[in-house]
PDB file of N, CA and C in Angstrom:
ATOM      1  N   MET A   1       0.848  -1.198   0.000  1.00  0.00           N
ATOM      2  CA  MET A   1       0.000   0.000   0.000  1.00  0.00           C
ATOM      3  C   MET A   1       0.881   1.244   0.000  1.00  0.00           C
ATOM      4  N   ILE A   2       0.536   2.190  -0.841  1.00  0.00           N
ATOM      5  CA  ILE A   2       1.319   3.414  -0.959  1.00  0.00           C
ATOM      6  C   ILE A   2       1.056   4.327   0.249  1.00  0.00           C
ATOM      7  N   ASP A   3       2.078   5.000   0.702  1.00  0.00           N
ATOM      8  CA  ASP A   3       1.985   5.934   1.816  1.00  0.00           C
ATOM      9  C   ASP A   3       0.953   7.018   1.497  1.00  0.00           C
ATOM     10  N   ARG A   4       0.162   7.396   2.487  1.00  0.00           N
ATOM     11  CA  ARG A   4      -0.929   8.353   2.300  1.00  0.00           C
ATOM     12  C   ARG A   4      -0.446   9.690   1.719  1.00  0.00           C
ATOM     13  N   GLU A   5       0.678  10.207   2.175  1.00  0.00           N
ATOM     14  CA  GLU A   5       1.177  11.496   1.685  1.00  0.00           C
ATOM     15  C   GLU A   5       1.534  11.434   0.203  1.00  0.00           C
ATOM     16  N   PHE A   6       2.171  10.339  -0.236  1.00  0.00           N
ATOM     17  CA  PHE A   6       2.475  10.177  -1.663  1.00  0.00           C
ATOM     18  C   PHE A   6       1.173  10.062  -2.450  1.00  0.00           C
ATOM     19  N   PHE A   7       0.266   9.249  -1.951  1.00  0.00           N
ATOM     20  CA  PHE A   7      -1.033   9.035  -2.577  1.00  0.00           C
ATOM     21  C   PHE A   7      -1.749  10.361  -2.809  1.00  0.00           C
ATOM     22  N   LEU A   8      -1.823  11.200  -1.782  1.00  0.00           N
ATOM     23  CA  LEU A   8      -2.544  12.464  -1.892  1.00  0.00           C
ATOM     24  C   LEU A   8      -1.873  13.421  -2.875  1.00  0.00           C
ATOM     25  N   GLY A   9      -0.562  13.366  -2.972  1.00  0.00           N
ATOM     26  CA  GLY A   9       0.135  14.184  -3.963  1.00  0.00           C
ATOM     27  C   GLY A   9      -0.237  13.784  -5.380  1.00  0.00           C
ATOM     28  N   PHE A  10      -0.291  12.474  -5.629  1.00  0.00           N
ATOM     29  CA  PHE A  10      -0.700  11.987  -6.949  1.00  0.00           C
ATOM     30  C   PHE A  10      -2.137  12.406  -7.259  1.00  0.00           C
ATOM     31  N   VAL A  11      -3.005  12.296  -6.269  1.00  0.00           N
ATOM     32  CA  VAL A  11      -4.413  12.657  -6.459  1.00  0.00           C
ATOM     33  C   VAL A  11      -4.536  14.137  -6.817  1.00  0.00           C
ATOM     34  N   LYS A  12      -3.806  14.995  -6.120  1.00  0.00           N
ATOM     35  CA  LYS A  12      -3.874  16.432  -6.404  1.00  0.00           C
ATOM     36  C   LYS A  12      -3.451  16.724  -7.841  1.00  0.00           C
ATOM     37  N   ILE A  13      -2.400  16.077  -8.299  1.00  0.00           N
ATOM     38  CA  ILE A  13      -1.950  16.289  -9.677  1.00  0.00           C
ATOM     39  C   ILE A  13      -3.015  15.814 -10.663  1.00  0.00           C
ATOM     40  N   HIS A  14      -3.635  14.668 -10.390  1.00  0.00           N
ATOM     41  CA  HIS A  14      -4.732  14.191 -11.249  1.00  0.00           C
ATOM     42  C   HIS A  14      -5.868  15.202 -11.290  1.00  0.00           C
ATOM     43  N   ILE A  15      -6.233  15.731 -10.147  1.00  0.00           N
ATOM     44  CA  ILE A  15      -7.333  16.696 -10.084  1.00  0.00           C
ATOM     45  C   ILE A  15      -7.012  17.925 -10.921  1.00  0.00           C
ATOM     46  N   ILE A  16      -5.836  18.505 -10.711  1.00  0.00           N
ATOM     47  CA  ILE A  16      -5.457  19.699 -11.470  1.00  0.00           C
ATOM     48  C   ILE A  16      -5.402  19.383 -12.966  1.00  0.00           C
ATOM     49  N   TYR A  17      -4.866  18.226 -13.318  1.00  0.00           N
ATOM     50  CA  TYR A  17      -4.797  17.842 -14.724  1.00  0.00           C
ATOM     51  C   TYR A  17      -6.198  17.816 -15.346  1.00  0.00           C
ATOM     52  N   HIS A  18      -7.118  17.091 -14.718  1.00  0.00           N
ATOM     53  CA  HIS A  18      -8.464  16.981 -15.287  1.00  0.00           C
ATOM     54  C   HIS A  18      -9.189  18.331 -15.285  1.00  0.00           C
ATOM     55  N   ALA A  19      -8.953  19.144 -14.251  1.00  0.00           N
ATOM     56  CA  ALA A  19      -9.574  20.474 -14.191  1.00  0.00           C
ATOM     57  C   ALA A  19      -8.960  21.415 -15.218  1.00  0.00           C
ATOM     58  N   SER A  20      -7.803  21.073 -15.756  1.00  0.00           N
ATOM     59  CA  SER A  20      -7.202  21.891 -16.813  1.00  0.00           C
ATOM     60  C   SER A  20      -7.815  21.572 -18.166  1.00  0.00           C
ATOM     61  N   LYS A  21      -8.421  20.398 -18.295  1.00  0.00           N
ATOM     62  CA  LYS A  21      -8.999  19.950 -19.558  1.00  0.00           C
ATOM     63  C   LYS A  21     -10.464  20.358 -19.713  1.00  0.00           C
ATOM     64  N   GLU A  22     -11.198  20.301 -18.590  1.00  0.00           N
ATOM     65  CA  GLU A  22     -12.632  20.615 -18.613  1.00  0.00           C
ATOM     66  C   GLU A  22     -13.109  20.824 -17.184  1.00  0.00           C
ATOM     67  N   PRO A  23     -14.275  21.451 -17.015  1.00  0.00           N
ATOM     68  CA  PRO A  23     -14.806  21.602 -15.661  1.00  0.00           C
ATOM     69  C   PRO A  23     -15.057  20.219 -15.038  1.00  0.00           C
ATOM     70  N   ILE A  24     -14.719  20.081 -13.764  1.00  0.00           N
ATOM     71  CA  ILE A  24     -14.938  18.825 -13.049  1.00  0.00           C
ATOM     72  C   ILE A  24     -15.824  19.086 -11.841  1.00  0.00           C
ATOM     73  N   PHE A  25     -16.476  18.035 -11.364  1.00  0.00           N
ATOM     74  CA  PHE A  25     -17.226  18.134 -10.111  1.00  0.00           C
ATOM     75  C   PHE A  25     -16.942  16.879  -9.296  1.00  0.00           C
ATOM     76  N   GLY A  26     -17.260  16.925  -8.017  1.00  0.00           N
ATOM     77  CA  GLY A  26     -16.863  15.905  -7.064  1.00  0.00           C
ATOM     78  C   GLY A  26     -17.109  14.462  -7.458  1.00  0.00           C
ATOM     79  N   VAL A  27     -18.350  14.095  -7.703  1.00  0.00           N
ATOM     80  CA  VAL A  27     -18.678  12.698  -8.004  1.00  0.00           C
ATOM     81  C   VAL A  27     -17.975  12.244  -9.277  1.00  0.00           C
ATOM     82  N   GLU A  28     -17.931  13.107 -10.265  1.00  0.00           N
ATOM     83  CA  GLU A  28     -17.277  12.773 -11.534  1.00  0.00           C
ATOM     84  C   GLU A  28     -15.785  12.512 -11.332  1.00  0.00           C
ATOM     85  N   ILE A  29     -15.103  13.385 -10.586  1.00  0.00           N
ATOM     86  CA  ILE A  29     -13.666  13.211 -10.411  1.00  0.00           C
ATOM     87  C   ILE A  29     -13.383  12.008  -9.517  1.00  0.00           C
ATOM     88  N   MET A  30     -14.283  11.699  -8.584  1.00  0.00           N
ATOM     89  CA  MET A  30     -14.114  10.483  -7.782  1.00  0.00           C
ATOM     90  C   MET A  30     -14.135   9.256  -8.685  1.00  0.00           C
ATOM     91  N   SER A  31     -15.039   9.226  -9.643  1.00  0.00           N
ATOM     92  CA  SER A  31     -15.116   8.108 -10.589  1.00  0.00           C
ATOM     93  C   SER A  31     -13.868   8.039 -11.454  1.00  0.00           C
ATOM     94  N   GLU A  32     -13.408   9.183 -11.907  1.00  0.00           N
ATOM     95  CA  GLU A  32     -12.197   9.222 -12.738  1.00  0.00           C
ATOM     96  C   GLU A  32     -10.986   8.753 -11.938  1.00  0.00           C
ATOM     97  N   LEU A  33     -10.873   9.195 -10.715  1.00  0.00           N
ATOM     98  CA  LEU A  33      -9.762   8.758  -9.868  1.00  0.00           C
ATOM     99  C   LEU A  33      -9.841   7.250  -9.614  1.00  0.00           C
ATOM    100  N   ALA A  34     -11.036   6.737  -9.394  1.00  0.00           N
ATOM    101  CA  ALA A  34     -11.214   5.287  -9.177  1.00  0.00           C
ATOM    102  C   ALA A  34     -10.771   4.506 -10.409  1.00  0.00           C
ATOM    103  N   ARG A  35     -11.040   5.063 -11.584  1.00  0.00           N
ATOM    104  CA  ARG A  35     -10.624   4.420 -12.834  1.00  0.00           C
ATOM    105  C   ARG A  35      -9.103   4.277 -12.893  1.00  0.00           C
ATOM    106  N   HIS A  36      -8.412   5.182 -12.239  1.00  0.00           N
ATOM    107  CA  HIS A  36      -6.948   5.149 -12.188  1.00  0.00           C
ATOM    108  C   HIS A  36      -6.430   4.374 -10.970  1.00  0.00           C
ATOM    109  N   GLY A  37      -7.347   3.783 -10.214  1.00  0.00           N
ATOM    110  CA  GLY A  37      -6.932   2.968  -9.071  1.00  0.00           C
ATOM    111  C   GLY A  37      -6.870   3.699  -7.748  1.00  0.00           C
ATOM    112  N   TYR A  38      -7.351   4.935  -7.695  1.00  0.00           N
ATOM    113  CA  TYR A  38      -7.353   5.698  -6.450  1.00  0.00           C
ATOM    114  C   TYR A  38      -8.709   5.563  -5.770  1.00  0.00           C
ATOM    115  N   ASP A  39      -8.728   4.940  -4.628  1.00  0.00           N
ATOM    116  CA  ASP A  39      -9.959   4.784  -3.839  1.00  0.00           C
ATOM    117  C   ASP A  39      -9.999   5.916  -2.828  1.00  0.00           C
ATOM    118  N   ILE A  40     -10.752   6.948  -3.146  1.00  0.00           N
ATOM    119  CA  ILE A  40     -10.773   8.144  -2.304  1.00  0.00           C
ATOM    120  C   ILE A  40     -12.202   8.415  -1.862  1.00  0.00           C
ATOM    121  N   SER A  41     -12.370   8.719  -0.598  1.00  0.00           N
ATOM    122  CA  SER A  41     -13.702   8.952  -0.045  1.00  0.00           C
ATOM    123  C   SER A  41     -14.095  10.417  -0.232  1.00  0.00           C
ATOM    124  N   PRO A  42     -15.401  10.693  -0.179  1.00  0.00           N
ATOM    125  CA  PRO A  42     -15.837  12.090  -0.237  1.00  0.00           C
ATOM    126  C   PRO A  42     -15.230  12.913   0.899  1.00  0.00           C
ATOM    127  N   GLY A  43     -15.035  12.285   2.057  1.00  0.00           N
ATOM    128  CA  GLY A  43     -14.456  12.974   3.207  1.00  0.00           C
ATOM    129  C   GLY A  43     -13.012  13.392   2.997  1.00  0.00           C
ATOM    130  N   THR A  44     -12.344  12.785   2.038  1.00  0.00           N
ATOM    131  CA  THR A  44     -10.986  13.189   1.670  1.00  0.00           C
ATOM    132  C   THR A  44     -11.024  14.111   0.461  1.00  0.00           C
ATOM    133  N   LEU A  45     -11.848  13.782  -0.531  1.00  0.00           N
ATOM    134  CA  LEU A  45     -11.874  14.541  -1.781  1.00  0.00           C
ATOM    135  C   LEU A  45     -12.360  15.972  -1.606  1.00  0.00           C
ATOM    136  N   TYR A  46     -13.516  16.153  -0.967  1.00  0.00           N
ATOM    137  CA  TYR A  46     -14.095  17.497  -0.920  1.00  0.00           C
ATOM    138  C   TYR A  46     -13.227  18.490  -0.156  1.00  0.00           C
ATOM    139  N   PRO A  47     -12.654  18.122   0.992  1.00  0.00           N
ATOM    140  CA  PRO A  47     -11.722  19.062   1.632  1.00  0.00           C
ATOM    141  C   PRO A  47     -10.504  19.356   0.750  1.00  0.00           C
ATOM    142  N   MET A  48     -10.055  18.360  -0.023  1.00  0.00           N
ATOM    143  CA  MET A  48      -8.919  18.571  -0.924  1.00  0.00           C
ATOM    144  C   MET A  48      -9.291  19.575  -2.016  1.00  0.00           C
ATOM    145  N   LEU A  49     -10.476  19.432  -2.613  1.00  0.00           N
ATOM    146  CA  LEU A  49     -10.936  20.385  -3.627  1.00  0.00           C
ATOM    147  C   LEU A  49     -11.017  21.795  -3.033  1.00  0.00           C
ATOM    148  N   HIS A  50     -11.574  21.907  -1.835  1.00  0.00           N
ATOM    149  CA  HIS A  50     -11.700  23.219  -1.186  1.00  0.00           C
ATOM    150  C   HIS A  50     -10.328  23.820  -0.896  1.00  0.00           C
ATOM    151  N   ARG A  51      -9.385  22.989  -0.471  1.00  0.00           N
ATOM    152  CA  ARG A  51      -8.028  23.454  -0.166  1.00  0.00           C
ATOM    153  C   ARG A  51      -7.318  23.910  -1.456  1.00  0.00           C
ATOM    154  N   LEU A  52      -7.470  23.120  -2.532  1.00  0.00           N
ATOM    155  CA  LEU A  52      -6.863  23.511  -3.809  1.00  0.00           C
ATOM    156  C   LEU A  52      -7.443  24.833  -4.309  1.00  0.00           C
ATOM    157  N   GLU A  53      -8.730  25.041  -4.058  1.00  0.00           N
ATOM    158  CA  GLU A  53      -9.350  26.311  -4.438  1.00  0.00           C
ATOM    159  C   GLU A  53      -8.829  27.435  -3.537  1.00  0.00           C
ATOM    160  N   ARG A  54      -8.806  27.212  -2.249  1.00  0.00           N
ATOM    161  CA  ARG A  54      -8.317  28.232  -1.311  1.00  0.00           C
ATOM    162  C   ARG A  54      -6.868  28.619  -1.611  1.00  0.00           C
ATOM    163  N   ASP A  55      -6.057  27.633  -2.021  1.00  0.00           N
ATOM    164  CA  ASP A  55      -4.650  27.871  -2.310  1.00  0.00           C
ATOM    165  C   ASP A  55      -4.413  28.464  -3.698  1.00  0.00           C
ATOM    166  N   GLY A  56      -5.494  28.653  -4.471  1.00  0.00           N
ATOM    167  CA  GLY A  56      -5.386  29.335  -5.752  1.00  0.00           C
ATOM    168  C   GLY A  56      -5.138  28.459  -6.967  1.00  0.00           C
ATOM    169  N   TYR A  57      -5.217  27.122  -6.811  1.00  0.00           N
ATOM    170  CA  TYR A  57      -4.978  26.220  -7.938  1.00  0.00           C
ATOM    171  C   TYR A  57      -6.248  25.901  -8.725  1.00  0.00           C
ATOM    172  N   LEU A  58      -7.392  26.067  -8.098  1.00  0.00           N
ATOM    173  CA  LEU A  58      -8.696  25.842  -8.732  1.00  0.00           C
ATOM    174  C   LEU A  58      -9.594  27.040  -8.467  1.00  0.00           C
ATOM    175  N   PHE A  59     -10.566  27.233  -9.343  1.00  0.00           N
ATOM    176  CA  PHE A  59     -11.671  28.151  -9.054  1.00  0.00           C
ATOM    177  C   PHE A  59     -12.952  27.396  -9.344  1.00  0.00           C
ATOM    178  N   SER A  60     -14.032  27.859  -8.755  1.00  0.00           N
ATOM    179  CA  SER A  60     -15.284  27.121  -8.921  1.00  0.00           C
ATOM    180  C   SER A  60     -16.421  28.048  -9.308  1.00  0.00           C
ATOM    181  N   ASN A  61     -17.434  27.441  -9.874  1.00  0.00           N
ATOM    182  CA  ASN A  61     -18.704  28.118 -10.100  1.00  0.00           C
ATOM    183  C   ASN A  61     -19.798  27.091  -9.871  1.00  0.00           C
ATOM    184  N   ARG A  62     -20.955  27.587  -9.530  1.00  0.00           N
ATOM    185  CA  ARG A  62     -22.083  26.707  -9.230  1.00  0.00           C
ATOM    186  C   ARG A  62     -23.102  26.775 -10.353  1.00  0.00           C
ATOM    187  N   GLU A  63     -23.661  25.601 -10.654  1.00  0.00           N
ATOM    188  CA  GLU A  63     -24.710  25.523 -11.670  1.00  0.00           C
ATOM    189  C   GLU A  63     -25.795  24.592 -11.156  1.00  0.00           C
ATOM    190  N   ILE A  64     -26.999  24.851 -11.586  1.00  0.00           N
ATOM    191  CA  ILE A  64     -28.107  23.962 -11.244  1.00  0.00           C
ATOM    192  C   ILE A  64     -28.206  22.913 -12.340  1.00  0.00           C
ATOM    193  N   VAL A  65     -28.094  21.659 -11.943  1.00  0.00           N
ATOM    194  CA  VAL A  65     -28.159  20.526 -12.864  1.00  0.00           C
ATOM    195  C   VAL A  65     -29.183  19.545 -12.312  1.00  0.00           C
ATOM    196  N   GLY A  66     -30.217  19.272 -13.094  1.00  0.00           N
ATOM    197  CA  GLY A  66     -31.258  18.349 -12.639  1.00  0.00           C
ATOM    198  C   GLY A  66     -31.932  18.810 -11.360  1.00  0.00           C
ATOM    199  N   GLY A  67     -32.057  20.128 -11.187  1.00  0.00           N
ATOM    200  CA  GLY A  67     -32.703  20.678 -10.004  1.00  0.00           C
ATOM    201  C   GLY A  67     -31.812  20.737  -8.772  1.00  0.00           C
ATOM    202  N   LYS A  68     -30.545  20.339  -8.918  1.00  0.00           N
ATOM    203  CA  LYS A  68     -29.616  20.364  -7.774  1.00  0.00           C
ATOM    204  C   LYS A  68     -28.426  21.268  -8.098  1.00  0.00           C
ATOM    205  N   MET A  69     -27.899  21.883  -7.060  1.00  0.00           N
ATOM    206  CA  MET A  69     -26.737  22.744  -7.222  1.00  0.00           C
ATOM    207  C   MET A  69     -25.490  21.871  -7.334  1.00  0.00           C
ATOM    208  N   ARG A  70     -24.684  22.136  -8.357  1.00  0.00           N
ATOM    209  CA  ARG A  70     -23.437  21.392  -8.568  1.00  0.00           C
ATOM    210  C   ARG A  70     -22.302  22.410  -8.652  1.00  0.00           C
ATOM    211  N   LYS A  71     -21.214  22.105  -7.963  1.00  0.00           N
ATOM    212  CA  LYS A  71     -20.042  22.983  -7.961  1.00  0.00           C
ATOM    213  C   LYS A  71     -19.014  22.417  -8.931  1.00  0.00           C
ATOM    214  N   TYR A  72     -18.687  23.198  -9.952  1.00  0.00           N
ATOM    215  CA  TYR A  72     -17.705  22.812 -10.947  1.00  0.00           C
ATOM    216  C   TYR A  72     -16.375  23.515 -10.660  1.00  0.00           C
ATOM    217  N   TYR A  73     -15.298  22.800 -10.887  1.00  0.00           N
ATOM    218  CA  TYR A  73     -13.953  23.330 -10.663  1.00  0.00           C
ATOM    219  C   TYR A  73     -13.181  23.365 -11.968  1.00  0.00           C
ATOM    220  N   ARG A  74     -12.365  24.427 -12.107  1.00  0.00           N
ATOM    221  CA  ARG A  74     -11.435  24.565 -13.238  1.00  0.00           C
ATOM    222  C   ARG A  74     -10.080  24.956 -12.676  1.00  0.00           C
ATOM    223  N   ALA A  75      -9.040  24.644 -13.412  1.00  0.00           N
ATOM    224  CA  ALA A  75      -7.700  25.039 -13.003  1.00  0.00           C
ATOM    225  C   ALA A  75      -7.512  26.537 -13.252  1.00  0.00           C
ATOM    226  N   THR A  76      -6.843  27.196 -12.323  1.00  0.00           N
ATOM    227  CA  THR A  76      -6.477  28.606 -12.489  1.00  0.00           C
ATOM    228  C   THR A  76      -5.147  28.680 -13.235  1.00  0.00           C
ATOM    229  N   ASP A  77      -4.713  29.887 -13.542  1.00  0.00           N
ATOM    230  CA  ASP A  77      -3.387  30.057 -14.153  1.00  0.00           C
ATOM    231  C   ASP A  77      -2.304  29.503 -13.230  1.00  0.00           C
ATOM    232  N   GLU A  78      -2.470  29.728 -11.936  1.00  0.00           N
ATOM    233  CA  GLU A  78      -1.512  29.195 -10.965  1.00  0.00           C
ATOM    234  C   GLU A  78      -1.541  27.660 -10.961  1.00  0.00           C
ATOM    235  N   GLY A  79      -2.733  27.082 -11.090  1.00  0.00           N
ATOM    236  CA  GLY A  79      -2.857  25.632 -11.178  1.00  0.00           C
ATOM    237  C   GLY A  79      -2.191  25.088 -12.437  1.00  0.00           C
ATOM    238  N   LEU A  80      -2.374  25.792 -13.547  1.00  0.00           N
ATOM    239  CA  LEU A  80      -1.744  25.380 -14.806  1.00  0.00           C
ATOM    240  C   LEU A  80      -0.223  25.458 -14.713  1.00  0.00           C
ATOM    241  N   SER A  81       0.270  26.490 -14.056  1.00  0.00           N
ATOM    242  CA  SER A  81       1.709  26.639 -13.866  1.00  0.00           C
ATOM    243  C   SER A  81       2.253  25.511 -12.987  1.00  0.00           C
ATOM    244  N   MET A  82       1.548  25.208 -11.909  1.00  0.00           N
ATOM    245  CA  MET A  82       1.962  24.122 -11.024  1.00  0.00           C
ATOM    246  C   MET A  82       1.957  22.798 -11.778  1.00  0.00           C
ATOM    247  N   LEU A  83       0.958  22.593 -12.630  1.00  0.00           N
ATOM    248  CA  LEU A  83       0.866  21.363 -13.417  1.00  0.00           C
ATOM    249  C   LEU A  83       2.046  21.252 -14.381  1.00  0.00           C
ATOM    250  N   ALA A  84       2.389  22.332 -15.042  1.00  0.00           N
ATOM    251  CA  ALA A  84       3.521  22.326 -15.970  1.00  0.00           C
ATOM    252  C   ALA A  84       4.821  21.997 -15.234  1.00  0.00           C
ATOM    253  N   GLN A  85       5.009  22.595 -14.074  1.00  0.00           N
ATOM    254  CA  GLN A  85       6.202  22.300 -13.272  1.00  0.00           C
ATOM    255  C   GLN A  85       6.203  20.843 -12.818  1.00  0.00           C
ATOM    256  N   SER A  86       5.035  20.355 -12.413  1.00  0.00           N
ATOM    257  CA  SER A  86       4.920  18.966 -11.959  1.00  0.00           C
ATOM    258  C   SER A  86       5.238  17.999 -13.082  1.00  0.00           C
ATOM    259  N   LYS A  87       4.777  18.308 -14.302  1.00  0.00           N
ATOM    260  CA  LYS A  87       5.053  17.439 -15.448  1.00  0.00           C
ATOM    261  C   LYS A  87       6.553  17.287 -15.665  1.00  0.00           C
ATOM    262  N   LYS A  88       7.275  18.402 -15.569  1.00  0.00           N
ATOM    263  CA  LYS A  88       8.732  18.352 -15.734  1.00  0.00           C
ATOM    264  C   LYS A  88       9.360  17.470 -14.661  1.00  0.00           C
ATOM    265  N   GLN A  89       8.925  17.651 -13.432  1.00  0.00           N
ATOM    266  CA  GLN A  89       9.480  16.867 -12.324  1.00  0.00           C
ATOM    267  C   GLN A  89       9.108  15.390 -12.462  1.00  0.00           C
ATOM    268  N   ILE A  90       7.880  15.123 -12.900  1.00  0.00           N
ATOM    269  CA  ILE A  90       7.429  13.735 -13.089  1.00  0.00           C
ATOM    270  C   ILE A  90       8.265  13.066 -14.174  1.00  0.00           C
ATOM    271  N   MET A  91       8.486  13.773 -15.285  1.00  0.00           N
ATOM    272  CA  MET A  91       9.291  13.206 -16.376  1.00  0.00           C
ATOM    273  C   MET A  91      10.706  12.898 -15.912  1.00  0.00           C
ATOM    274  N   GLU A  92      11.292  13.815 -15.167  1.00  0.00           N
ATOM    275  CA  GLU A  92      12.644  13.603 -14.656  1.00  0.00           C
ATOM    276  C   GLU A  92      12.677  12.395 -13.715  1.00  0.00           C
ATOM    277  N   LEU A  93      11.688  12.308 -12.841  1.00  0.00           N
ATOM    278  CA  LEU A  93      11.621  11.189 -11.901  1.00  0.00           C
ATOM    279  C   LEU A  93      11.432   9.860 -12.623  1.00  0.00           C
ATOM    280  N   VAL A  94      10.507   9.820 -13.571  1.00  0.00           N
ATOM    281  CA  VAL A  94      10.242   8.588 -14.307  1.00  0.00           C
ATOM    282  C   VAL A  94      11.497   8.136 -15.057  1.00  0.00           C
ATOM    283  N   LYS A  95      12.171   9.079 -15.711  1.00  0.00           N
ATOM    284  CA  LYS A  95      13.400   8.728 -16.429  1.00  0.00           C
ATOM    285  C   LYS A  95      14.428   8.133 -15.473  1.00  0.00           C
ATOM    286  N   GLU A  96      14.565   8.738 -14.321  1.00  0.00           N
ATOM    287  CA  GLU A  96      15.545   8.266 -13.353  1.00  0.00           C
ATOM    288  C   GLU A  96      15.176   6.890 -12.791  1.00  0.00           C
ATOM    289  N   VAL A  97      13.913   6.730 -12.418  1.00  0.00           N
ATOM    290  CA  VAL A  97      13.468   5.475 -11.812  1.00  0.00           C
ATOM    291  C   VAL A  97      13.426   4.345 -12.838  1.00  0.00           C
ATOM    292  N   ILE A  98      12.899   4.619 -14.020  1.00  0.00           N
ATOM    293  CA  ILE A  98      12.771   3.582 -15.062  1.00  0.00           C
ATOM    294  C   ILE A  98      14.127   3.228 -15.660  1.00  0.00           C
ATOM    295  N   ASP A  99      14.970   4.230 -15.867  1.00  0.00           N
ATOM    296  CA  ASP A  99      16.279   3.993 -16.479  1.00  0.00           C
ATOM    297  C   ASP A  99      17.362   3.705 -15.443  1.00  0.00           C
ATOM    298  N   GLU A 100      16.940   3.333 -14.256  1.00  0.00           N
ATOM    299  CA  GLU A 100      17.887   3.055 -13.168  1.00  0.00           C
ATOM    300  C   GLU A 100      18.956   2.079 -13.621  1.00  0.00           C
ATOM    301  N   LYS A 101      20.201   2.408 -13.321  1.00  0.00           N
ATOM    302  CA  LYS A 101      21.316   1.544 -13.722  1.00  0.00           C
ATOM    303  C   LYS A 101      22.118   1.138 -12.523  1.00  0.00           C
TER     304      LYS A 101
END
């Protein structure tokens, strides 16, 4: 089992990545994360989304869908910048770990 701190870092990068492509909402991103093998509870996901928004990596807007209020998240410019930096670091790490000699 992967350490919780590493796990949460991967989840945050996934969230920012998907929010950079299109608006995301809680239940949808939980399903997407599960598809990638991340079993994350609403009690972990929603505070993480709120924290990413508070820290300036996401912004949100609310829409009524099917008579219910839904909060959609998108990546901010700061989130996009963090994602670009993370991609570089991920590539460097993967090259080092995979090409280990």
